Structure formats: structure tokens, C-alpha cells
Protein backbone atom coordinates (compact mmCIF):
# COMPACT_ATOMS: atom_id res chain seq x y z
CA MET A 1 2.14 -3.50 -5.53
CA LEU A 2 4.90 -9.27 -7.17
CA LEU A 3 5.33 -10.74 -6.43
CA LEU A 4 7.07 -9.01 -9.43
CA ARG A 5 7.40 -11.11 -12.56
CA SER A 6 8.79 -8.35 -14.74
CA ALA A 7 11.71 -5.99 -14.25
CA THR A 8 9.94 -3.20 -16.12
CA PRO A 9 6.23 -3.21 -15.18
CA ALA A 10 3.92 -0.90 -17.09
CA PHE A 11 2.67 0.91 -14.02
CA SER A 12 3.77 1.70 -10.51
CA ARG A 13 2.74 -0.51 -7.64
CA THR A 14 -0.04 1.80 -6.55
CA THR A 15 -1.78 2.06 -9.92
CA ARG A 16 -0.79 -1.33 -11.31
CA GLY A 17 -2.42 -2.99 -8.32
CA LEU A 18 -5.79 -1.51 -9.22
CA LEU A 19 -5.82 -3.62 -12.37
CA ALA A 20 -5.42 -6.87 -10.49
CA LEU A 21 -6.42 -6.32 -6.88
CA TRP A 22 -2.98 -5.06 -6.39
CA ALA A 23 -2.35 -8.66 -7.51
CA TRP A 24 1.26 -7.79 -8.20
CA GLY A 25 1.39 -6.12 -4.83
CA ILE A 26 4.15 -6.64 -2.35
CA LEU A 27 2.75 -5.14 0.78
CA GLY A 28 -0.61 -4.74 2.42
CA LEU A 29 -2.69 -2.51 4.55
CA ALA A 30 -2.24 -2.95 8.29
CA SER A 31 -3.81 -1.38 11.32
CA ALA A 32 -2.35 2.04 12.01
CA GLN A 33 -1.27 3.33 15.38
CA THR A 34 -3.06 6.62 14.81
CA THR A 35 -6.58 6.86 16.23
CA LEU A 36 -9.44 8.23 14.18
CA PRO A 37 -10.57 11.76 14.95
CA ALA A 38 -13.99 12.38 16.37
CA GLN A 39 -16.84 12.30 13.86
CA GLN A 40 -17.41 16.03 14.21
CA ALA A 41 -13.81 16.90 13.31
CA LYS A 42 -13.50 19.03 10.21
CA PRO A 43 -11.54 17.53 7.27
CA ALA A 44 -9.02 20.35 7.38
CA GLU A 45 -8.03 19.32 10.90
CA LEU A 46 -6.90 15.82 9.93
CA SER A 47 -3.22 14.93 10.04
CA VAL A 48 -1.50 12.81 7.42
CA GLY A 49 -1.92 9.78 9.69
CA ASP A 50 -5.60 10.53 10.22
CA TRP A 51 -6.23 10.79 6.47
CA LEU A 52 -4.56 7.44 5.84
CA VAL A 53 -6.40 5.67 8.65
CA ARG A 54 -9.73 7.00 7.38
CA MET A 55 -8.99 5.77 3.85
CA HIS A 56 -7.77 2.43 5.14
CA GLN A 57 -10.89 1.80 7.19
CA ALA A 58 -13.17 2.78 4.31
CA SER A 59 -11.50 0.23 2.03
CA ARG A 60 -12.12 -2.50 4.62
CA GLN A 61 -15.71 -1.63 5.48
CA ARG A 62 -17.42 -0.79 2.22
CA SER A 63 -18.67 -3.09 -0.53
CA TYR A 64 -18.60 -1.60 -4.00
CA VAL A 65 -18.59 -2.27 -7.72
CA GLY A 66 -16.84 0.01 -10.16
CA THR A 67 -14.82 0.62 -13.28
CA PHE A 68 -11.42 2.23 -12.99
CA VAL A 69 -8.98 3.65 -15.50
CA ILE A 70 -5.21 3.82 -15.08
CA SER A 71 -2.97 6.08 -17.14
CA SER A 72 0.69 7.05 -17.03
CA SER A 73 2.79 9.93 -18.31
CA SER A 74 4.28 7.54 -20.86
CA GLY A 75 0.88 7.30 -22.57
CA ALA A 76 0.02 3.79 -21.38
CA MET A 77 -3.59 3.25 -20.32
CA SER A 78 -5.54 0.31 -18.89
CA SER A 79 -8.92 -0.25 -17.31
CA GLY A 80 -10.68 -2.87 -15.24
CA ARG A 81 -13.90 -3.75 -13.48
CA ILE A 82 -13.74 -4.44 -9.73
CA TRP A 83 -16.17 -6.11 -7.31
CA HIS A 84 -15.27 -5.73 -3.63
CA ALA A 85 -17.24 -7.43 -0.84
CA CYS A 86 -16.87 -7.31 2.95
CA ASP A 87 -18.24 -9.88 5.37
CA GLY A 88 -16.78 -9.14 8.79
CA PRO A 89 -13.02 -9.80 8.59
CA LEU A 90 -13.45 -11.53 5.23
CA GLN A 91 -12.47 -9.42 2.23
CA VAL A 92 -13.15 -10.79 -1.26
CA GLU A 93 -12.42 -9.05 -4.56
CA ARG A 94 -12.75 -9.78 -8.24
CA VAL A 95 -11.11 -7.79 -11.04
CA GLU A 96 -11.78 -8.26 -14.74
CA SER A 97 -9.34 -6.58 -17.12
CA LEU A 98 -11.11 -4.52 -19.79
CA THR A 99 -8.01 -3.84 -21.87
CA GLY A 100 -5.16 -6.05 -23.02
CA ALA A 101 -5.20 -9.82 -22.56
CA PRO A 102 -8.27 -11.18 -20.74
CA ARG A 103 -7.59 -11.78 -17.06
CA SER A 104 -9.79 -12.53 -14.07
CA THR A 105 -8.17 -12.03 -10.68
CA PHE A 106 -9.72 -12.96 -7.35
CA ARG A 107 -8.53 -12.31 -3.82
CA ARG A 108 -9.93 -13.80 -0.63
CA ASN A 109 -7.93 -12.24 2.22
CA ASP A 110 -4.38 -13.48 1.48
CA GLU A 111 -5.34 -15.98 -1.22
CA VAL A 112 -5.00 -14.86 -4.84
CA VAL A 113 -6.28 -16.73 -7.88
CA ILE A 114 -5.59 -15.52 -11.44
CA PHE A 115 -7.42 -17.00 -14.44
CA VAL A 116 -5.61 -16.90 -17.81
CA PRO A 117 -8.19 -17.94 -20.45
CA GLU A 118 -5.92 -18.13 -23.51
CA SER A 119 -3.79 -20.84 -21.91
CA ARG A 120 -6.52 -22.29 -19.65
CA VAL A 121 -4.25 -21.78 -16.66
CA VAL A 122 -5.16 -20.87 -13.08
CA ARG A 123 -2.37 -19.37 -10.97
CA THR A 124 -2.75 -19.50 -7.22
CA GLU A 125 -0.62 -17.94 -4.52
CA LYS A 126 -0.63 -16.75 -0.94
CA ARG A 127 0.16 -13.13 -0.28
CA GLU A 128 -0.02 -12.55 3.41
CA LEU A 129 0.72 -8.85 3.05
CA LEU A 130 -1.45 -8.16 0.04
CA GLY A 131 -3.50 -5.01 0.36
CA MET A 132 -6.74 -3.70 -1.01
CA PHE A 133 -7.77 -0.74 -3.09
CA PRO A 134 -6.22 1.60 -2.22
CA ASP A 135 -3.02 0.08 -0.93
CA LEU A 136 -1.79 3.17 0.85
CA LEU A 137 -0.86 2.32 4.42
CA LYS A 138 1.76 -0.41 4.57
CA SER A 139 3.19 -0.50 8.07
CA SER A 140 1.70 -1.13 11.48
CA GLU A 141 4.35 1.20 12.93
CA THR A 142 4.10 3.83 10.27
CA THR A 143 6.46 6.79 10.20
CA VAL A 144 4.60 8.35 7.27
CA PRO A 145 4.08 11.69 9.10
CA ASP A 146 7.86 11.95 9.54
CA PHE A 147 8.42 11.96 5.79
CA TYR A 148 5.20 13.39 4.32
CA SER A 149 2.99 16.36 5.08
CA ALA A 150 -0.73 16.52 4.27
CA ARG A 151 -2.62 19.50 2.88
CA ARG A 152 -6.32 19.63 2.08
CA LEU A 153 -6.87 21.16 -1.35
CA GLY A 154 -10.66 21.36 -1.27
CA THR A 155 -13.45 19.31 -2.80
CA ASP A 156 -14.13 17.85 -6.25
CA ARG A 157 -16.38 15.31 -7.95
CA VAL A 158 -15.26 11.86 -9.08
CA ALA A 159 -17.63 9.38 -10.75
CA GLY A 160 -20.56 11.46 -9.52
CA PHE A 161 -19.46 11.53 -5.85
CA GLU A 162 -18.30 14.47 -3.76
CA ALA A 163 -14.67 13.95 -2.79
CA GLU A 164 -12.16 15.55 -0.45
CA VAL A 165 -8.85 16.26 -2.17
CA VAL A 166 -5.65 15.89 -0.14
CA GLN A 167 -2.04 16.24 -1.25
CA LEU A 168 0.70 14.27 0.50
CA THR A 169 4.01 16.04 -0.08
CA PRO A 170 7.34 14.35 0.68
CA LYS A 171 9.79 16.12 2.97
CA ASP A 172 12.85 14.95 1.01
CA ASN A 173 13.79 13.82 -2.52
CA LEU A 174 13.67 10.08 -1.80
CA ARG A 175 9.95 9.65 -2.44
CA PHE A 176 7.13 10.79 -4.68
CA GLY A 177 4.09 12.83 -3.66
CA TYR A 178 0.44 11.84 -3.97
CA ARG A 179 -2.79 13.68 -4.66
CA ILE A 180 -5.76 11.70 -3.36
CA TRP A 181 -9.49 12.05 -3.86
CA SER A 182 -11.54 10.28 -1.15
CA GLU A 183 -15.33 10.00 -1.02
CA ARG A 184 -16.51 12.70 1.32
CA LYS A 185 -18.75 10.61 3.59
CA SER A 186 -16.85 7.32 3.83
CA GLY A 187 -13.23 8.18 3.00
CA LEU A 188 -13.02 5.56 0.23
CA VAL A 189 -10.27 6.51 -2.21
CA MET A 190 -11.67 7.19 -5.66
CA LYS A 191 -8.71 8.71 -7.47
CA VAL A 192 -4.95 8.78 -6.91
CA GLN A 193 -2.23 10.72 -8.71
CA THR A 194 1.47 10.04 -8.21
CA LEU A 195 3.51 13.25 -8.44
CA ASP A 196 7.18 13.94 -9.11
CA GLY A 197 9.24 16.61 -7.38
CA ASP A 198 7.73 19.33 -9.58
CA SER A 199 4.16 18.14 -8.87
CA ARG A 200 3.82 16.75 -12.38
CA VAL A 201 1.50 13.75 -12.65
CA LEU A 202 3.42 10.54 -13.35
CA GLU A 203 0.43 8.22 -13.03
CA GLN A 204 -3.25 8.38 -12.29
CA ALA A 205 -5.80 5.76 -11.22
CA ALA A 206 -9.45 6.74 -10.91
CA PHE A 207 -12.93 5.30 -10.85
CA SER A 208 -14.91 6.32 -13.92
CA GLU A 209 -18.05 4.69 -12.46
CA LEU A 210 -18.75 3.50 -8.93
CA GLN A 211 -21.63 1.95 -6.97
CA LEU A 212 -21.06 2.17 -3.23
CA ASP A 213 -22.63 -0.37 -0.87
CA ALA A 214 -23.42 -2.54 -3.87
CA PRO A 215 -25.31 -5.83 -3.27
CA VAL A 216 -22.21 -7.95 -3.92
CA ARG A 217 -21.77 -11.04 -1.73
CA ALA A 218 -18.44 -12.33 -0.49
CA ASP A 219 -19.55 -15.98 -0.56
CA LYS A 220 -20.69 -15.71 -4.18
CA LEU A 221 -17.37 -14.19 -5.27
CA ALA A 222 -15.46 -16.83 -3.30
CA ARG A 223 -17.27 -19.66 -5.11
CA MET A 224 -16.07 -18.23 -8.43
CA MET A 225 -12.46 -18.90 -7.38
CA ALA A 226 -12.73 -22.65 -8.00
CA PRO A 227 -10.60 -23.74 -11.03
CA PRO A 228 -12.75 -24.88 -13.99
CA GLU A 229 -12.54 -28.52 -15.01
CA GLY A 230 -9.74 -29.14 -17.48
CA TRP A 231 -7.71 -26.04 -16.55
CA ARG A 232 -4.11 -26.42 -15.36
CA VAL A 233 -3.37 -25.11 -11.88
CA GLU A 234 0.01 -23.47 -11.26
CA ARG A 235 0.99 -22.72 -7.67
CA ASP A 236 3.47 -20.01 -6.81
CA GLU A 237 6.46 -21.57 -5.04
CA THR A 238 7.83 -18.88 -2.76
CA VAL A 239 9.50 -19.46 0.59
CA ARG A 240 9.69 -16.93 3.41
CA THR A 241 13.25 -16.18 4.45
CA THR A 242 15.41 -13.32 5.74
CA ALA A 243 18.04 -11.31 3.94
CA ALA A 244 20.61 -12.24 6.61
CA GLN A 245 19.85 -15.91 6.11
CA GLU A 246 20.45 -15.46 2.39
CA GLY A 247 23.72 -13.60 3.06
CA TRP A 248 22.65 -10.01 2.36
CA ALA A 249 22.46 -6.79 4.37
CA LEU A 250 22.35 -3.02 3.99
CA LYS A 251 25.42 -1.09 5.13
CA ALA A 252 23.16 1.84 5.95
CA ALA A 253 19.40 2.18 6.04
CA VAL A 254 17.69 4.33 3.41
CA PRO A 255 15.85 7.01 5.47
CA GLY A 256 12.23 6.11 6.12
CA PHE A 257 12.27 2.72 4.40
CA LYS A 258 11.80 -0.30 6.65
CA PRO A 259 12.27 -3.95 5.66
CA MET A 260 8.82 -5.53 5.40
CA SER A 261 9.37 -9.07 4.12
CA CYS A 262 11.79 -11.31 2.28
CA PHE A 263 11.04 -14.26 -0.01
CA LYS A 264 12.94 -16.58 -2.28
CA ARG A 265 12.00 -18.77 -5.20
CA PRO A 266 14.21 -21.84 -4.92
CA ALA A 267 13.45 -23.01 -8.46
CA GLU A 268 14.58 -19.68 -9.93
CA GLY A 269 17.29 -18.84 -7.40
CA VAL A 270 15.84 -15.36 -6.81
CA MET A 271 15.54 -13.50 -3.50
CA GLN A 272 13.10 -10.61 -3.13
CA TRP A 273 13.64 -8.18 -0.25
CA VAL A 274 10.82 -5.67 0.25
CA PHE A 275 10.98 -2.21 1.85
CA SER A 276 8.36 0.48 2.43
CA ASP A 277 8.12 3.94 3.91
CA GLY A 278 4.37 3.47 4.40
CA LEU A 279 3.39 4.77 0.97
CA GLY A 280 6.15 3.93 -1.51
CA ALA A 281 7.64 0.45 -1.83
CA VAL A 282 10.93 -0.92 -3.14
CA SER A 283 11.77 -4.52 -4.04
CA LEU A 284 15.34 -5.75 -4.32
CA PHE A 285 15.61 -8.87 -6.52
CA VAL A 286 18.96 -10.65 -6.23
CA GLU A 287 20.06 -13.65 -8.29
CA ALA A 288 23.25 -15.22 -9.65
CA TYR A 289 24.78 -13.26 -12.52
CA ASP A 290 24.20 -14.74 -15.99
CA ALA A 291 26.10 -13.05 -18.83
CA GLN A 292 23.54 -14.17 -21.41
CA ARG A 293 20.53 -12.77 -19.56
CA HIS A 294 22.02 -9.87 -17.61
CA ALA A 295 23.61 -7.60 -20.14
CA GLN A 296 22.14 -4.12 -19.67
CA GLU A 297 22.88 -2.09 -16.54
CA GLY A 298 21.17 1.21 -15.84
CA ILE A 299 17.97 2.88 -14.66
CA PHE A 300 14.74 2.64 -16.63
CA ALA A 301 11.48 4.52 -16.05
CA SER A 302 7.87 3.61 -16.83
CA GLY A 303 5.37 6.06 -15.42
CA ALA A 304 6.06 6.29 -11.68
CA THR A 305 7.96 3.00 -11.60
CA ASN A 306 11.74 3.11 -11.79
CA THR A 307 13.91 0.04 -12.30
CA LEU A 308 17.65 -0.19 -11.60
CA THR A 309 19.77 -3.10 -12.83
CA ARG A 310 23.36 -3.61 -11.73
CA ARG A 311 25.98 -6.34 -11.58
CA MET A 312 27.48 -6.98 -8.15
CA GLN A 313 30.43 -9.30 -8.77
CA ASP A 314 28.81 -12.73 -9.11
CA TRP A 315 25.32 -11.38 -8.49
CA TRP A 316 22.70 -9.42 -10.40
CA LEU A 317 20.51 -6.83 -8.69
CA THR A 318 17.16 -5.59 -10.00
CA ALA A 319 15.71 -2.83 -7.81
CA VAL A 320 12.12 -1.82 -8.58
CA GLY A 321 9.89 0.75 -6.93
CA GLU A 322 7.55 3.70 -7.35
CA VAL A 323 10.27 5.97 -6.01
CA PRO A 324 12.71 8.43 -7.59
CA PRO A 325 15.89 7.02 -9.22
CA GLN A 326 18.11 8.35 -6.42
CA THR A 327 16.27 6.13 -3.92
CA LEU A 328 17.07 3.00 -5.92
CA ARG A 329 20.70 4.15 -6.20
CA ALA A 330 20.84 4.53 -2.41
CA PHE A 331 19.61 0.95 -1.96
CA ALA A 332 22.04 -0.39 -4.56
CA GLN A 333 25.01 1.39 -3.00
CA SER A 334 24.10 0.14 0.47
CA LEU A 335 23.43 -3.51 -0.43
CA GLU A 336 26.31 -5.81 0.37
CA ARG A 337 27.13 -9.51 0.48
CA ARG A 338 27.90 -10.77 3.98
CA LYS A 339 28.72 -14.41 3.24
């Protein structure tokens, strides 16, 4: 995007993920049903599905090294250095944070390892749906074209590369829009802006420097994932489940958003139910109500990320997503206890 460890993250899932391989990410890229257009097709002829497939394939097929900068309308800014290597189906990434607390995050397919130097801790977890940069296409049966339209805006330059600029505009008020710069030859996404209903930029993530087809080796990056001697290893204890099994359901579906996965953390008593419309994602965190910890209800914004907190009798709901507030309200109003 997380699994989420904070109810009020600094950035949305799309941009926050750039700082840590989408290491807080909920969902991942999957093969799309749309077929790629012929090589000779002009960019203007591509549909929204075609644009997304092209970007998705570029992120899986190209090795690169680059520096990216993430900024939000709230004034927050972060940057990181990313190494991405491909070796057949094997995808390996390394991200070093350049701002804030030092962090090194590695991903080898669905395995994520985070190094925290100040505490000499290594956190490991499996994220079977974790995506790559950019984490744009999130469903193998995507209905993105039903809820977004695509319009080519022209060309621009990003980090010294020629880029096609495409705007994805939502067809209703339940989702944000996106303006995307993709490298003209390969389709690799180089810059993403998240837009509100008035096309104002809520967040931006962009490469400031990029080396395509860099001589970075997947096996070398993978060897760097081994915990150093003397460091404590913490393993994420999440269990796959279903909302029905945990006693929860939606009275009515929120248009366009499909359930993608559901996890629980037995030690913390928290269930996380994840939804996506193919671009935006929403997580519903449900836990037992605690008067000492769960005092403030409401909706809170940070860049493109909105967070809703609400008491539901003996339960506490935290809904988080890079979606408009009304979308979180729709989820909260539809969520109900079945047992």
C-alpha cells in the first residue's frame, strides 16, 4: 500500500509504498485480462486497461536503480533510493530511506525483510499480494475501465527521460484520479500524482534520477537479506482468514470495490479486510473496543490518505484508504456484525 501499523500514515498507499517497496502495501500487481495492443499502435489509441497492462509489464521486466521523492499537499516530503532487479519470474528490490529514520527494506517476490538499525531489529513477513513500483493494477479481474476513463495529455520529461502523460479520471465521487508519467519506450511509471475531485494534487511520487536496465543482480540483492549476526529477528504473525469466518459482512457492496484478502493478528485481536477497485485500496481494521485507547471518532486526512474511526457497539473500526471520505463512510455504514 500494511500491513498497516498506523491508523494515520503519512502518505497514501500508492506513494507511501515507493518509500519501502510498497512495504506497507496491501495488494499487489496481478496479470490483467486485457491484451496488449500491437507494437505499432499509437499511444493515443490505448484504453485505460491497455495503459495499465503496459505499465504493469514494464515494472516486471525492467531492472533499474533510482532515487525518488514523495511529497503531499500537507507539506510532508520523503525520499528513497531503490534497486530493482528481474531474473525471470524472480523480482528482488531494495529500498534505502534517505530521509527520516534509517531503514533498509528488501523484497524477494512475496518475502519482505525490513532492517531497523537503531534497534538492531530485522522484521520479516510474507506478503503474497505485495506489488512493485508502481502498484497500480490490483485485480486479475479488473473492472477499472468501468470506473475510470483514460486521456492522453501529451509528453513530458522526467529524470531526463521522455514520458507519456496519461490522466485516469474517476466516473463517480468514490475514488480519486491519477496523473501518470510513463517512460515512452518501456511504459515504466516514473511519476504519479493523486488528484482530488477538482484535479488538485494531493500527493506526488516521482523519480528525480533513474538508470534503466542497470547492472543490478537479483542474486546479489537477495544475499543482502540475511539478518546480521547479533540482530533480533521479529516475524509478522498474521493468519489468513475470511470476514465471514470472523463474523463480519457488508450489507451492500461499495460500487467497484471488491474484497481482495482478509487477515487477522491473533496476538493483537485485529482483523484486516482489504478491498480494491483496481487502483484505490481500502483496509477495514476491526478490533474489540477499548475505552482507554479508542476515544476519538471521526475522519482524518493526510495527503491522499483518509482515515475513519468509529465505535460499533463492542467493536472499534478503523477504515483507511487513498479514497475520498465518502467512500470510507459507505464502508462503515455497510459493515455489520453477523455473529
